[in-house]
Amino acid sequence: MAQIRGATPQWATASGDLTLTIIDRWGRSCASGSAVASYQVRNGAQGLLYPTDCEAGPDAARDNIGLHRFEDITGAERCVGSMRFETNTPGPSTVADTTWVIERSVPGFTCSTAGETYNVRLLHTE
């Protein structure tokens, strides 16, 4: 998993079933095409999030909405899709509402949830 060794997830569902860990700065991820965060579903997929709103410029990182592409990197089934991350206010926040749209399978894998959308509330854990 492309996660900082020993890093604590910064966002999680209240149940802890989904965690999200920031692994790079938004601007650096946009410039290099690298992942900005990793995610893990309890007893399920792990994957990476890549920013897709890079053309908005560095000020977009301070807005309350972020657009990402996600890709599962573990599991028998692997999916690819988009994720919208929205906080209740610009700047630091304790709650984020996310929408995960499962679009298709990773080439060479199946994805039984393709076409589904999940709305997930995340809480800041730091």
Protein backbone atom coordinates (compact mmCIF):
# COMPACT_ATOMS: atom_id res chain seq x y z
CA MET A 1 0.00 0.00 0.00
CA ALA A 2 1.38 3.40 -0.91
CA GLN A 3 0.90 4.86 2.53
CA ILE A 4 3.34 6.61 4.84
CA ARG A 5 4.67 3.92 7.15
CA GLY A 6 3.06 4.34 10.53
CA ALA A 7 0.81 7.13 9.28
CA THR A 8 -2.47 7.53 11.10
CA PRO A 9 -5.57 7.95 8.95
CA GLN A 10 -6.75 11.57 8.99
CA TRP A 11 -10.33 10.77 7.96
CA ALA A 12 -12.61 7.85 8.82
CA THR A 13 -16.24 6.85 8.97
CA ALA A 14 -17.76 6.81 12.46
CA SER A 15 -17.62 3.00 12.36
CA GLY A 16 -14.04 2.96 11.09
CA ASP A 17 -15.10 0.86 8.08
CA LEU A 18 -13.42 3.32 5.68
CA THR A 19 -10.25 5.28 6.40
CA LEU A 20 -8.44 7.85 4.29
CA THR A 21 -4.82 8.91 4.79
CA ILE A 22 -3.20 11.92 3.12
CA ILE A 23 0.14 10.82 1.63
CA ASP A 24 1.27 13.87 -0.37
CA ARG A 25 0.56 17.55 -0.88
CA TRP A 26 -2.15 18.48 -3.39
CA GLY A 27 0.15 20.68 -5.51
CA ARG A 28 2.92 18.10 -5.64
CA SER A 29 0.43 15.36 -6.56
CA CYS A 30 -0.96 17.50 -9.36
CA ALA A 31 2.51 18.29 -10.71
CA SER A 32 3.78 14.71 -10.60
CA GLY A 33 0.57 12.74 -11.22
CA SER A 34 1.14 10.85 -7.98
CA ALA A 35 -1.51 9.88 -5.45
CA VAL A 36 -2.59 12.46 -2.88
CA ALA A 37 -4.20 9.97 -0.48
CA SER A 38 -4.76 6.30 0.20
CA TYR A 39 -7.93 4.62 1.40
CA GLN A 40 -8.81 1.33 3.01
CA VAL A 41 -12.14 -0.40 3.44
CA ARG A 42 -12.29 -2.76 6.44
CA ASN A 43 -12.04 -6.33 5.12
CA GLY A 44 -12.04 -4.96 1.59
CA ALA A 45 -10.33 -2.81 -0.99
CA GLN A 46 -7.33 -0.60 -0.55
CA GLY A 47 -6.52 2.04 -3.10
CA LEU A 48 -5.18 5.41 -4.11
CA LEU A 49 -6.79 8.79 -4.76
CA TYR A 50 -5.47 11.11 -7.48
CA PRO A 51 -6.59 14.76 -7.73
CA THR A 52 -8.47 15.57 -10.95
CA ASP A 53 -9.14 19.26 -10.35
CA CYS A 54 -5.51 20.32 -10.85
CA GLU A 55 -6.30 22.85 -13.59
CA ALA A 56 -8.09 24.96 -10.96
CA GLY A 57 -4.69 25.95 -9.53
CA PRO A 58 -3.33 25.95 -5.98
CA ASP A 59 -6.19 28.05 -4.59
CA ALA A 60 -8.54 25.13 -5.25
CA ALA A 61 -6.80 23.17 -2.49
CA ARG A 62 -8.22 25.64 0.02
CA ASP A 63 -11.76 25.37 -1.30
CA ASN A 64 -14.20 23.02 0.35
CA ILE A 65 -14.57 20.67 -2.64
CA GLY A 66 -11.99 18.27 -4.08
CA LEU A 67 -12.41 15.99 -7.09
CA HIS A 68 -10.44 12.76 -7.35
CA ARG A 69 -10.02 9.58 -9.35
CA PHE A 70 -9.70 6.43 -7.27
CA GLU A 71 -8.22 3.06 -8.13
CA ASP A 72 -8.29 -0.09 -6.01
CA ILE A 73 -4.83 -1.67 -5.76
CA THR A 74 -5.63 -4.81 -3.73
CA GLY A 75 -8.28 -7.50 -3.76
CA ALA A 76 -9.74 -10.06 -6.14
CA GLU A 77 -12.11 -7.38 -7.45
CA ARG A 78 -10.70 -3.97 -8.28
CA CYS A 79 -12.64 -0.90 -9.30
CA VAL A 80 -11.92 2.56 -10.70
CA GLY A 81 -14.09 5.61 -10.34
CA SER A 82 -14.45 9.16 -9.14
CA MET A 83 -14.73 10.60 -5.65
CA ARG A 84 -15.98 14.03 -4.61
CA PHE A 85 -14.74 15.25 -1.22
CA GLU A 86 -16.70 18.17 0.23
CA THR A 87 -16.29 19.78 3.63
CA ASN A 88 -18.91 21.97 5.26
CA THR A 89 -16.67 25.06 5.08
CA PRO A 90 -13.53 26.14 3.20
CA GLY A 91 -10.35 25.55 5.20
CA PRO A 92 -9.95 23.19 8.16
CA SER A 93 -13.02 21.10 8.84
CA THR A 94 -14.06 18.14 10.97
CA VAL A 95 -16.67 16.61 8.63
CA ALA A 96 -16.47 15.69 4.94
CA ASP A 97 -19.24 14.32 2.78
CA THR A 98 -17.89 12.12 0.00
CA THR A 99 -19.53 10.62 -3.06
CA TRP A 100 -17.87 7.56 -4.61
CA VAL A 101 -19.00 6.69 -8.15
CA ILE A 102 -17.86 3.20 -9.18
CA GLU A 103 -17.29 3.41 -12.93
CA ARG A 104 -15.57 0.24 -14.13
CA SER A 105 -13.09 -2.49 -13.30
CA VAL A 106 -9.33 -2.18 -13.29
CA PRO A 107 -8.13 -3.89 -16.51
CA GLY A 108 -7.70 -7.62 -15.86
CA PHE A 109 -10.05 -7.63 -12.85
CA THR A 110 -13.78 -7.69 -12.20
CA CYS A 111 -15.81 -5.06 -10.35
CA SER A 112 -19.26 -6.24 -9.26
CA THR A 113 -20.21 -2.77 -7.96
CA ALA A 114 -19.62 -0.91 -11.26
CA GLY A 115 -22.42 1.58 -11.84
CA GLU A 116 -23.12 2.10 -8.13
CA THR A 117 -22.75 5.32 -6.13
CA TYR A 118 -22.01 5.56 -2.41
CA ASN A 119 -22.41 8.64 -0.21
CA VAL A 120 -20.09 8.39 2.79
CA ARG A 121 -19.58 10.86 5.66
CA LEU A 122 -16.00 11.03 6.95
CA LEU A 123 -14.88 12.54 10.24
CA HIS A 124 -11.48 14.18 10.77
CA THR A 125 -9.52 12.02 13.20
CA GLU A 126 -6.57 14.24 14.13
